[in-house]
N, C-alpha and C. Protein backbone atom coordinates (compact mmCIF):
# COMPACT_ATOMS: atom_id res chain seq x y z
N MET A 1 -91.38 21.69 -56.12
CA MET A 1 -91.76 23.40 -56.10
C MET A 1 -91.13 24.03 -54.91
N THR A 2 -90.67 25.09 -55.49
CA THR A 2 -89.71 25.80 -54.35
C THR A 2 -89.97 25.89 -53.04
N GLU A 3 -88.69 26.35 -52.12
CA GLU A 3 -89.08 26.84 -50.52
C GLU A 3 -89.49 27.95 -50.30
N PRO A 4 -90.54 28.67 -49.80
CA PRO A 4 -90.52 30.13 -49.81
C PRO A 4 -89.96 30.67 -49.65
N GLN A 5 -89.68 32.11 -49.79
CA GLN A 5 -88.58 32.74 -49.87
C GLN A 5 -87.92 33.43 -48.67
N GLU A 6 -88.60 32.98 -47.40
CA GLU A 6 -88.70 33.60 -46.09
C GLU A 6 -87.81 32.48 -45.37
N THR A 7 -87.91 30.99 -46.11
CA THR A 7 -86.67 29.96 -45.61
C THR A 7 -85.32 30.12 -46.13
N LEU A 8 -85.33 31.20 -48.06
CA LEU A 8 -84.40 30.94 -48.04
C LEU A 8 -83.10 31.35 -47.35
N SER A 9 -81.47 31.14 -47.42
CA SER A 9 -80.51 31.90 -47.13
C SER A 9 -80.73 32.88 -47.42
N ALA A 10 -79.53 34.26 -47.22
CA ALA A 10 -79.13 35.46 -48.58
C ALA A 10 -78.25 34.48 -49.73
N MET A 11 -77.25 33.17 -49.80
CA MET A 11 -76.87 32.45 -50.64
C MET A 11 -77.94 32.08 -51.75
N GLU A 12 -78.73 31.40 -50.71
CA GLU A 12 -79.72 30.21 -51.90
C GLU A 12 -80.85 31.65 -52.00
N ARG A 13 -81.13 32.71 -51.71
CA ARG A 13 -82.11 33.32 -52.34
C ARG A 13 -81.03 34.04 -53.49
N GLN A 14 -80.08 34.25 -53.52
CA GLN A 14 -78.95 34.90 -54.41
C GLN A 14 -79.44 33.66 -56.10
N GLY A 15 -78.43 32.74 -55.86
CA GLY A 15 -78.49 32.05 -56.19
C GLY A 15 -80.25 32.57 -57.52
N GLN A 16 -81.14 31.56 -56.32
CA GLN A 16 -82.93 32.00 -57.42
C GLN A 16 -83.05 32.95 -57.99
N LEU A 17 -82.10 34.03 -57.15
CA LEU A 17 -81.97 35.24 -57.95
C LEU A 17 -81.67 35.49 -60.06
N LEU A 18 -80.67 34.62 -59.83
CA LEU A 18 -79.95 34.93 -60.44
C LEU A 18 -79.77 32.95 -61.54
N GLN A 19 -80.75 32.33 -61.93
CA GLN A 19 -81.89 31.78 -62.25
C GLN A 19 -82.70 32.16 -62.98
N ASP A 20 -83.84 33.55 -62.21
CA ASP A 20 -84.68 33.62 -62.69
C ASP A 20 -84.49 34.54 -63.55
N LEU A 21 -82.56 35.35 -63.28
CA LEU A 21 -81.89 36.88 -64.49
C LEU A 21 -82.25 36.05 -65.68
N ALA A 22 -81.71 34.58 -65.30
CA ALA A 22 -81.41 33.78 -66.74
C ALA A 22 -82.49 33.59 -67.71
N ARG A 23 -83.23 33.59 -66.50
CA ARG A 23 -84.27 32.70 -67.32
C ARG A 23 -84.91 34.04 -68.23
N VAL A 24 -85.47 35.05 -67.46
CA VAL A 24 -85.55 36.73 -67.95
C VAL A 24 -84.38 36.67 -69.62
N LEU A 25 -83.06 36.91 -69.64
CA LEU A 25 -82.76 37.17 -70.52
C LEU A 25 -82.75 35.92 -72.26
N LEU A 26 -83.10 34.85 -71.07
CA LEU A 26 -83.59 33.60 -72.34
C LEU A 26 -84.43 33.88 -72.61
N THR A 27 -85.86 34.26 -72.17
CA THR A 27 -86.71 34.38 -72.75
C THR A 27 -87.11 35.71 -73.57
N SER A 28 -86.50 36.86 -73.35
CA SER A 28 -86.58 38.44 -73.66
C SER A 28 -86.00 38.63 -75.35
N VAL A 29 -84.33 37.61 -74.91
CA VAL A 29 -83.68 38.17 -76.21
C VAL A 29 -83.98 37.39 -77.35
N ASP A 30 -84.21 37.34 -78.58
CA ASP A 30 -83.75 36.96 -80.19
C ASP A 30 -82.89 35.53 -79.94
N LEU A 31 -83.16 34.89 -79.75
CA LEU A 31 -82.54 33.31 -80.07
C LEU A 31 -83.07 32.63 -81.50
N THR A 32 -81.51 32.12 -82.14
CA THR A 32 -82.16 31.30 -82.92
C THR A 32 -81.48 30.07 -82.68
N GLU A 33 -81.77 29.33 -82.97
CA GLU A 33 -82.17 27.96 -82.96
C GLU A 33 -80.14 27.31 -82.85
N GLN A 34 -79.42 28.37 -83.51
CA GLN A 34 -78.08 27.94 -83.59
C GLN A 34 -76.92 29.11 -82.35
N TRP A 35 -77.86 29.01 -81.69
CA TRP A 35 -77.20 29.89 -80.41
C TRP A 35 -76.64 29.13 -79.61
N GLN A 36 -75.48 29.08 -79.29
CA GLN A 36 -74.53 28.31 -78.14
C GLN A 36 -74.20 28.94 -76.97
N LYS A 37 -74.52 30.26 -76.49
CA LYS A 37 -73.54 30.93 -75.48
C LYS A 37 -74.22 32.10 -75.38
N LEU A 38 -74.72 32.90 -74.42
CA LEU A 38 -75.19 33.87 -73.58
C LEU A 38 -74.37 34.62 -72.21
N THR A 39 -73.66 36.03 -73.13
CA THR A 39 -72.89 36.06 -71.94
C THR A 39 -73.61 38.02 -72.11
N ALA A 40 -74.14 38.24 -70.96
CA ALA A 40 -74.51 38.80 -70.01
C ALA A 40 -73.86 40.45 -68.94
N ALA A 41 -73.51 41.30 -69.38
CA ALA A 41 -72.14 41.92 -68.08
C ALA A 41 -73.43 43.11 -68.13
N PHE A 42 -73.51 43.70 -66.41
CA PHE A 42 -74.32 44.69 -65.95
C PHE A 42 -73.49 45.51 -65.34
N ILE A 43 -74.26 47.02 -65.57
CA ILE A 43 -72.67 47.89 -64.54
C ILE A 43 -74.25 48.42 -64.11
N PRO A 44 -73.71 49.83 -62.58
CA PRO A 44 -75.03 50.42 -62.63
C PRO A 44 -74.69 51.75 -63.68
N ASP A 45 -76.07 52.10 -63.55
CA ASP A 45 -76.02 53.43 -64.52
C ASP A 45 -77.63 54.11 -64.27
N GLY A 46 -76.92 54.87 -63.29
CA GLY A 46 -78.01 56.18 -62.35
C GLY A 46 -78.55 55.23 -61.66
N GLU A 47 -79.94 55.37 -61.76
CA GLU A 47 -80.52 54.22 -60.04
C GLU A 47 -81.06 53.00 -60.72
N GLY A 48 -81.21 53.08 -62.74
CA GLY A 48 -81.15 51.23 -62.74
C GLY A 48 -79.69 50.67 -63.56
N TRP A 49 -79.70 50.11 -64.13
CA TRP A 49 -78.69 49.08 -64.86
C TRP A 49 -78.65 49.57 -66.59
N ALA A 50 -77.15 48.98 -67.19
CA ALA A 50 -77.07 49.07 -68.15
C ALA A 50 -76.12 47.37 -68.56
N GLY A 51 -77.00 47.12 -69.47
CA GLY A 51 -76.46 45.75 -70.08
C GLY A 51 -75.37 45.32 -71.20
N ARG A 52 -74.92 44.93 -71.22
CA ARG A 52 -73.86 44.49 -72.81
C ARG A 52 -74.45 42.89 -72.72
N ILE A 53 -75.35 42.57 -74.00
CA ILE A 53 -75.25 41.52 -74.03
C ILE A 53 -75.07 40.93 -74.91
N VAL A 54 -74.18 39.79 -75.91
CA VAL A 54 -73.73 38.96 -76.82
C VAL A 54 -74.37 37.59 -76.52
N VAL A 55 -74.38 36.91 -77.96
CA VAL A 55 -75.16 35.45 -78.05
C VAL A 55 -74.69 35.11 -79.53
N THR A 56 -73.50 34.03 -79.14
CA THR A 56 -72.50 33.14 -79.95
C THR A 56 -73.38 32.22 -80.23
N ASP A 57 -73.17 31.86 -81.58
CA ASP A 57 -73.80 31.07 -82.50
C ASP A 57 -73.26 30.09 -82.52
N LEU A 58 -73.43 28.43 -82.70
CA LEU A 58 -72.58 27.41 -82.81
C LEU A 58 -71.66 27.98 -83.90
N ASP A 59 -71.58 28.69 -84.83
CA ASP A 59 -69.81 29.01 -86.18
C ASP A 59 -69.43 29.55 -85.38
N GLY A 60 -69.60 30.72 -84.26
CA GLY A 60 -68.69 31.17 -83.73
C GLY A 60 -69.26 32.75 -83.86
N SER A 61 -70.26 32.94 -84.88
CA SER A 61 -70.48 34.16 -84.71
C SER A 61 -71.67 34.87 -83.54
N THR A 62 -70.69 35.93 -83.43
CA THR A 62 -71.52 36.94 -82.68
C THR A 62 -72.82 37.70 -82.95
N ASN A 63 -73.25 38.12 -81.70
CA ASN A 63 -74.61 39.87 -82.37
C ASN A 63 -74.85 40.19 -80.93
N GLY A 64 -75.69 41.43 -80.30
CA GLY A 64 -75.79 41.74 -80.04
C GLY A 64 -75.76 43.07 -79.37
N GLY A 65 -75.58 44.08 -78.31
CA GLY A 65 -75.69 44.99 -78.33
C GLY A 65 -75.71 45.58 -76.38
N ASP A 66 -75.75 46.75 -76.59
CA ASP A 66 -76.06 47.33 -75.55
C ASP A 66 -77.47 47.80 -74.89
N ALA A 67 -77.51 47.65 -73.45
CA ALA A 67 -79.00 48.11 -73.31
C ALA A 67 -79.56 48.82 -71.89
N ARG A 68 -80.03 49.94 -71.63
CA ARG A 68 -80.41 50.81 -70.24
C ARG A 68 -81.97 50.21 -69.49
N PHE A 69 -81.51 49.53 -69.25
CA PHE A 69 -83.02 49.22 -68.01
C PHE A 69 -83.33 49.68 -66.66
N ALA A 70 -84.20 50.70 -66.74
CA ALA A 70 -85.27 51.34 -65.60
C ALA A 70 -84.84 50.78 -64.66
N THR A 71 -85.37 51.44 -63.44
CA THR A 71 -85.92 51.47 -62.53
C THR A 71 -87.04 50.41 -61.93
N ASP A 72 -87.55 50.03 -63.26
CA ASP A 72 -88.89 49.31 -62.76
C ASP A 72 -88.96 47.99 -63.60
N SER A 73 -87.50 47.70 -64.55
CA SER A 73 -87.76 46.67 -65.21
C SER A 73 -87.91 45.65 -64.32
N GLN A 74 -88.00 44.69 -65.54
CA GLN A 74 -87.84 43.20 -64.03
C GLN A 74 -86.40 43.20 -64.14
N VAL A 75 -85.32 43.57 -65.08
CA VAL A 75 -83.87 43.24 -64.93
C VAL A 75 -83.46 43.60 -63.74
N THR A 76 -83.77 45.34 -63.48
CA THR A 76 -83.13 46.11 -62.82
C THR A 76 -84.20 45.56 -61.01
N LEU A 77 -84.97 45.27 -61.17
CA LEU A 77 -85.56 44.28 -59.46
C LEU A 77 -85.17 43.59 -59.11
N LEU A 78 -84.26 42.38 -60.58
CA LEU A 78 -83.89 41.08 -59.78
C LEU A 78 -82.39 41.44 -59.29
N LEU A 79 -81.57 42.38 -60.64
CA LEU A 79 -79.73 42.84 -60.10
C LEU A 79 -80.38 43.57 -58.80
N ASP A 80 -80.98 43.87 -58.53
CA ASP A 80 -80.90 45.24 -57.20
C ASP A 80 -81.35 43.87 -55.92
N ALA A 81 -82.14 43.26 -56.06
CA ALA A 81 -82.50 42.15 -54.99
C ALA A 81 -80.92 40.59 -54.65
N MET A 82 -80.85 41.13 -56.35
CA MET A 82 -79.07 39.67 -56.05
C MET A 82 -78.19 40.59 -55.23
N GLN A 83 -78.28 41.46 -55.38
CA GLN A 83 -77.19 43.06 -54.59
C GLN A 83 -77.77 43.17 -53.61
N GLN A 84 -78.56 43.11 -53.06
CA GLN A 84 -79.57 42.82 -51.85
C GLN A 84 -79.18 41.47 -50.97
N ALA A 85 -79.39 40.74 -52.08
CA ALA A 85 -79.02 38.89 -50.73
C ALA A 85 -77.42 39.36 -50.61
N SER A 86 -76.57 39.49 -51.91
CA SER A 86 -75.15 39.21 -51.02
C SER A 86 -74.57 41.04 -49.64
N ALA A 87 -75.19 41.71 -49.97
CA ALA A 87 -74.52 42.40 -49.22
C ALA A 87 -75.50 41.38 -47.40
N GLU A 88 -76.89 40.72 -47.92
CA GLU A 88 -76.73 40.27 -46.55
C GLU A 88 -75.79 38.92 -46.22
N GLN A 89 -75.59 38.88 -47.23
CA GLN A 89 -75.24 37.47 -47.19
C GLN A 89 -73.34 36.83 -46.16
N ALA A 90 -73.04 38.83 -46.97
CA ALA A 90 -71.84 38.97 -46.48
C ALA A 90 -71.28 39.16 -44.94
N ALA A 91 -73.20 40.03 -44.70
CA ALA A 91 -73.13 40.58 -43.25
C ALA A 91 -72.71 39.10 -42.61
N ALA A 92 -73.91 38.21 -42.93
CA ALA A 92 -74.52 37.05 -42.30
C ALA A 92 -72.94 36.29 -42.07
N ARG A 93 -72.48 36.46 -42.86
CA ARG A 93 -70.07 35.80 -43.40
C ARG A 93 -69.49 36.42 -41.84
N ALA A 94 -70.44 37.70 -42.05
CA ALA A 94 -68.71 37.96 -41.00
C ALA A 94 -69.70 38.14 -39.31
N GLY A 95 -70.59 37.98 -39.10
CA GLY A 95 -70.95 37.82 -37.66
C GLY A 95 -70.59 36.21 -37.27
N SER A 96 -70.48 35.19 -38.31
CA SER A 96 -70.58 33.82 -37.93
C SER A 96 -69.10 33.92 -37.42
N GLU A 97 -68.76 32.63 -36.74
CA GLU A 97 -67.26 32.38 -35.92
C GLU A 97 -66.26 32.57 -36.82
N GLN A 98 -66.48 31.89 -38.29
CA GLN A 98 -65.65 31.78 -39.25
C GLN A 98 -65.49 32.54 -40.27
N ALA A 99 -65.81 34.06 -40.12
CA ALA A 99 -65.20 34.57 -40.90
C ALA A 99 -63.78 35.04 -41.30
N SER A 100 -63.90 35.25 -42.63
CA SER A 100 -62.75 35.56 -42.81
C SER A 100 -62.39 37.03 -43.73
N PRO A 101 -61.43 37.87 -43.90
CA PRO A 101 -61.32 38.87 -44.37
C PRO A 101 -62.47 39.54 -45.12
N GLN A 102 -62.97 40.53 -45.57
CA GLN A 102 -64.19 41.49 -46.45
C GLN A 102 -63.63 40.75 -47.16
N VAL A 103 -64.92 39.43 -47.88
CA VAL A 103 -64.97 39.34 -48.54
C VAL A 103 -66.48 39.15 -49.19
N GLY A 104 -66.62 39.48 -50.50
CA GLY A 104 -67.56 39.69 -51.01
C GLY A 104 -68.79 40.83 -50.72
N GLY A 105 -69.81 41.08 -49.99
CA GLY A 105 -70.88 41.83 -50.47
C GLY A 105 -71.69 42.45 -51.15
N PRO A 106 -72.14 44.04 -51.15
CA PRO A 106 -72.61 44.18 -52.14
C PRO A 106 -72.12 43.88 -53.81
N PHE A 107 -72.04 43.36 -54.20
CA PHE A 107 -71.38 43.66 -55.71
C PHE A 107 -71.20 44.87 -56.11
N VAL A 108 -70.66 44.88 -57.25
CA VAL A 108 -70.62 46.23 -58.29
C VAL A 108 -71.13 46.29 -59.66
N SER A 109 -70.92 45.18 -59.92
CA SER A 109 -71.12 44.37 -60.96
C SER A 109 -71.11 43.31 -61.60
N LEU A 110 -71.94 42.65 -62.69
CA LEU A 110 -72.19 41.11 -62.72
C LEU A 110 -71.45 40.73 -63.61
N ARG A 111 -70.86 39.46 -64.30
CA ARG A 111 -71.61 39.06 -65.58
C ARG A 111 -71.75 37.53 -65.47
N LEU A 112 -73.05 37.58 -66.25
CA LEU A 112 -73.65 35.98 -66.62
C LEU A 112 -73.67 34.89 -67.54
N ASP A 113 -73.26 34.08 -67.67
CA ASP A 113 -72.64 33.18 -69.32
C ASP A 113 -73.61 31.92 -68.93
N ALA A 114 -74.24 32.02 -69.85
CA ALA A 114 -75.68 31.10 -69.99
C ALA A 114 -75.47 30.53 -71.50
N GLU A 115 -74.68 28.58 -71.49
CA GLU A 115 -74.34 28.39 -72.23
C GLU A 115 -75.46 26.87 -72.20
N ARG A 116 -75.15 26.55 -73.50
CA ARG A 116 -76.00 25.09 -74.26
C ARG A 116 -74.48 24.00 -73.75
N THR A 117 -74.78 23.04 -73.48
CA THR A 117 -73.89 22.03 -73.22
C THR A 117 -73.78 20.79 -73.68
N GLY A 118 -73.22 19.89 -74.10
CA GLY A 118 -73.13 18.50 -74.50
C GLY A 118 -73.87 18.06 -75.60
N GLU A 119 -74.49 17.51 -75.41
CA GLU A 119 -75.11 16.76 -76.60
C GLU A 119 -76.90 17.27 -77.00
N ASP A 120 -76.81 17.44 -75.09
CA ASP A 120 -79.14 17.99 -75.15
C ASP A 120 -78.50 19.18 -75.33
N ARG A 121 -79.29 19.32 -76.27
CA ARG A 121 -78.91 21.55 -76.47
C ARG A 121 -79.75 21.90 -75.54
N ALA A 122 -80.90 21.34 -74.27
CA ALA A 122 -81.71 21.40 -74.12
C ALA A 122 -80.73 22.57 -72.73
N ARG A 123 -79.81 21.65 -72.24
CA ARG A 123 -79.40 21.74 -71.21
C ARG A 123 -78.53 23.00 -71.16
N ILE A 124 -78.52 23.70 -70.32
CA ILE A 124 -78.16 24.87 -70.36
C ILE A 124 -77.19 25.07 -69.02
N ALA A 125 -75.84 25.68 -68.96
CA ALA A 125 -75.01 25.67 -68.12
C ALA A 125 -74.67 27.54 -67.75
N LEU A 126 -75.79 27.52 -65.98
CA LEU A 126 -75.02 29.32 -66.02
C LEU A 126 -74.07 29.13 -65.05
N ALA A 127 -73.19 30.25 -65.28
CA ALA A 127 -71.60 30.35 -64.42
C ALA A 127 -72.07 31.86 -64.11
N SER A 128 -71.34 32.29 -63.90
CA SER A 128 -71.63 33.70 -63.05
C SER A 128 -70.36 34.80 -62.35
N ASP A 129 -69.68 36.26 -62.30
CA ASP A 129 -68.94 36.68 -62.01
C ASP A 129 -69.27 37.87 -61.65
N LEU A 130 -69.54 37.83 -59.73
CA LEU A 130 -69.49 39.34 -59.22
C LEU A 130 -68.25 40.11 -58.75
N ASN A 131 -68.76 40.90 -59.07
CA ASN A 131 -67.75 42.42 -58.67
C ASN A 131 -67.93 43.09 -57.96
N TYR A 132 -66.42 42.89 -56.80
CA TYR A 132 -67.03 43.38 -55.08
C TYR A 132 -66.17 44.69 -55.94
N ASP A 133 -65.17 44.92 -56.46
CA ASP A 133 -64.30 45.64 -55.57
C ASP A 133 -63.43 46.63 -56.51
N ARG A 134 -63.81 46.07 -58.10
CA ARG A 134 -62.77 47.02 -59.47
C ARG A 134 -64.06 47.64 -59.61
N ASP A 135 -63.11 48.93 -60.47
CA ASP A 135 -64.10 50.21 -61.19
C ASP A 135 -64.36 49.30 -62.27
N PRO A 136 -66.24 48.85 -62.48
CA PRO A 136 -65.92 48.37 -63.99
C PRO A 136 -66.09 48.87 -64.92
N GLY A 137 -66.07 50.43 -65.38
CA GLY A 137 -65.85 51.07 -66.10
C GLY A 137 -67.55 50.63 -66.70
N SER A 138 -67.17 51.35 -68.05
CA SER A 138 -68.41 51.42 -69.26
C SER A 138 -68.37 50.87 -70.04
N PHE A 139 -69.75 50.84 -70.86
CA PHE A 139 -69.73 50.11 -71.89
C PHE A 139 -69.97 51.41 -73.64
N ASP A 140 -68.80 52.12 -73.35
CA ASP A 140 -68.47 53.07 -74.06
C ASP A 140 -69.73 54.28 -74.33
N GLY A 141 -68.81 54.68 -72.77
CA GLY A 141 -70.00 56.01 -72.30
C GLY A 141 -71.12 55.42 -71.46
N VAL A 142 -71.74 54.14 -71.58
CA VAL A 142 -72.63 54.02 -70.99
C VAL A 142 -72.88 53.53 -69.84
N GLY A 143 -73.50 53.83 -68.79
CA GLY A 143 -73.92 53.07 -66.85
C GLY A 143 -72.29 53.58 -66.27
N GLY A 144 -71.53 52.82 -65.57
CA GLY A 144 -70.61 53.60 -64.95
C GLY A 144 -70.23 53.45 -63.86
N VAL A 145 -69.70 53.72 -62.70
CA VAL A 145 -70.60 54.71 -61.80
C VAL A 145 -69.34 55.72 -61.09
N ASP A 146 -71.05 56.45 -60.83
CA ASP A 146 -69.90 58.23 -60.90
C ASP A 146 -70.73 58.42 -59.96
N ALA A 147 -70.44 59.66 -59.16
CA ALA A 147 -70.72 60.38 -57.86
C ALA A 147 -72.09 59.96 -57.15
N GLN A 148 -72.97 59.92 -58.10
CA GLN A 148 -74.26 59.63 -58.31
C GLN A 148 -74.80 58.17 -57.83
N VAL A 149 -74.39 57.20 -58.39
CA VAL A 149 -74.01 55.98 -58.46
C VAL A 149 -73.68 55.49 -57.45
N ALA A 150 -72.31 55.92 -56.77
CA ALA A 150 -71.42 55.87 -55.16
C ALA A 150 -71.90 56.48 -53.91
N GLN A 151 -73.24 57.34 -54.42
CA GLN A 151 -73.84 57.56 -53.59
C GLN A 151 -74.31 57.13 -53.08
N ARG A 152 -75.60 56.15 -54.09
CA ARG A 152 -76.63 55.51 -53.81
C ARG A 152 -76.61 54.32 -53.56
N PHE A 153 -75.04 54.12 -53.62
CA PHE A 153 -74.66 53.10 -53.07
C PHE A 153 -74.19 52.39 -51.83
N VAL A 154 -73.66 53.34 -51.09
CA VAL A 154 -73.69 54.21 -49.52
C VAL A 154 -74.44 54.07 -48.78
N ASP A 155 -75.30 54.54 -49.68
CA ASP A 155 -77.33 54.76 -49.06
C ASP A 155 -77.43 53.53 -48.61
N ARG A 156 -77.87 52.76 -50.02
CA ARG A 156 -78.03 51.46 -49.41
C ARG A 156 -77.37 50.16 -48.76
N PHE A 157 -75.93 50.68 -48.53
CA PHE A 157 -75.53 49.69 -48.06
C PHE A 157 -74.00 49.85 -46.89
N GLY A 158 -74.28 51.15 -46.73
CA GLY A 158 -73.35 51.87 -45.88
C GLY A 158 -71.72 52.17 -46.03
N ALA A 159 -71.10 52.71 -46.02
CA ALA A 159 -69.70 53.81 -46.57
C ALA A 159 -69.29 52.27 -46.27
N ASP A 160 -69.00 51.07 -45.45
CA ASP A 160 -67.83 50.13 -45.66
C ASP A 160 -68.00 49.01 -45.75
N ALA A 161 -69.26 49.13 -46.68
CA ALA A 161 -69.74 48.38 -47.62
C ALA A 161 -68.50 48.65 -49.10
N ALA A 162 -68.88 49.81 -49.22
CA ALA A 162 -67.91 50.17 -50.42
C ALA A 162 -66.33 50.06 -50.49
N PRO A 163 -66.38 49.54 -51.71
CA PRO A 163 -65.15 49.56 -52.43
C PRO A 163 -63.69 51.07 -51.83
N ALA A 164 -62.48 50.67 -51.42
CA ALA A 164 -62.28 51.61 -51.76
C ALA A 164 -61.98 53.41 -52.79
N TRP A 165 -62.23 52.86 -53.98
CA TRP A 165 -62.30 53.58 -55.03
C TRP A 165 -63.32 54.18 -54.90
N MET A 166 -64.23 53.93 -54.61
CA MET A 166 -65.63 54.30 -54.23
C MET A 166 -65.82 55.30 -53.45
N ARG A 167 -65.33 55.57 -51.94
CA ARG A 167 -65.21 55.68 -50.87
C ARG A 167 -64.26 57.04 -51.78
N ASP A 168 -63.59 56.99 -52.61
CA ASP A 168 -62.43 57.69 -52.88
C ASP A 168 -63.09 58.80 -54.27
N LEU A 169 -64.12 57.99 -54.78
CA LEU A 169 -64.96 59.28 -56.04
C LEU A 169 -66.12 59.60 -54.75
N LEU A 170 -66.34 59.81 -54.05
CA LEU A 170 -67.48 60.49 -52.77
C LEU A 170 -66.32 61.76 -52.10
N SER A 171 -65.43 61.60 -51.68
CA SER A 171 -64.77 62.32 -50.51
C SER A 171 -63.80 63.19 -51.73
N GLY A 172 -63.81 62.83 -53.35
CA GLY A 172 -63.23 63.95 -53.94
C GLY A 172 -61.98 64.01 -54.26
N ARG A 173 -61.33 62.63 -54.00
CA ARG A 173 -59.89 62.44 -54.80
C ARG A 173 -59.92 61.97 -55.53
């Protein structure tokens, strides 16, 4: 049995949410028995998120595509909760005596890799890459950080949490 959410640290909650996101993707995407790796990248898209999902099979062939996730979708709710936990983790780190220079905070975009490992095809390794400070661009015009997304980010987490390029976008530079 897992611990109640109230007793989890922001870091533990973020890890649990990442596993939940992987579970949602792995059960929602049409995977064949031959799948080896699922890669999903998420970027802001208005008030929701856009995702690019690519599945690689054992023979190296790939398929996938882009999707927009509405504000009430399970994927958006999980990503928003992960982003909040990321912000809380940074705030907790800043309040500790061992605070390092600004590292982390609420992430701007996320990449998740789920890969079958070794001979036991039931075992799946998860890896993630959270982007805190680079403009993630768009998926061929889908999603991305515009003034609306930047303002929503600042409204949720404060101007100090926004990367410099995002603050520049808001100031019109």
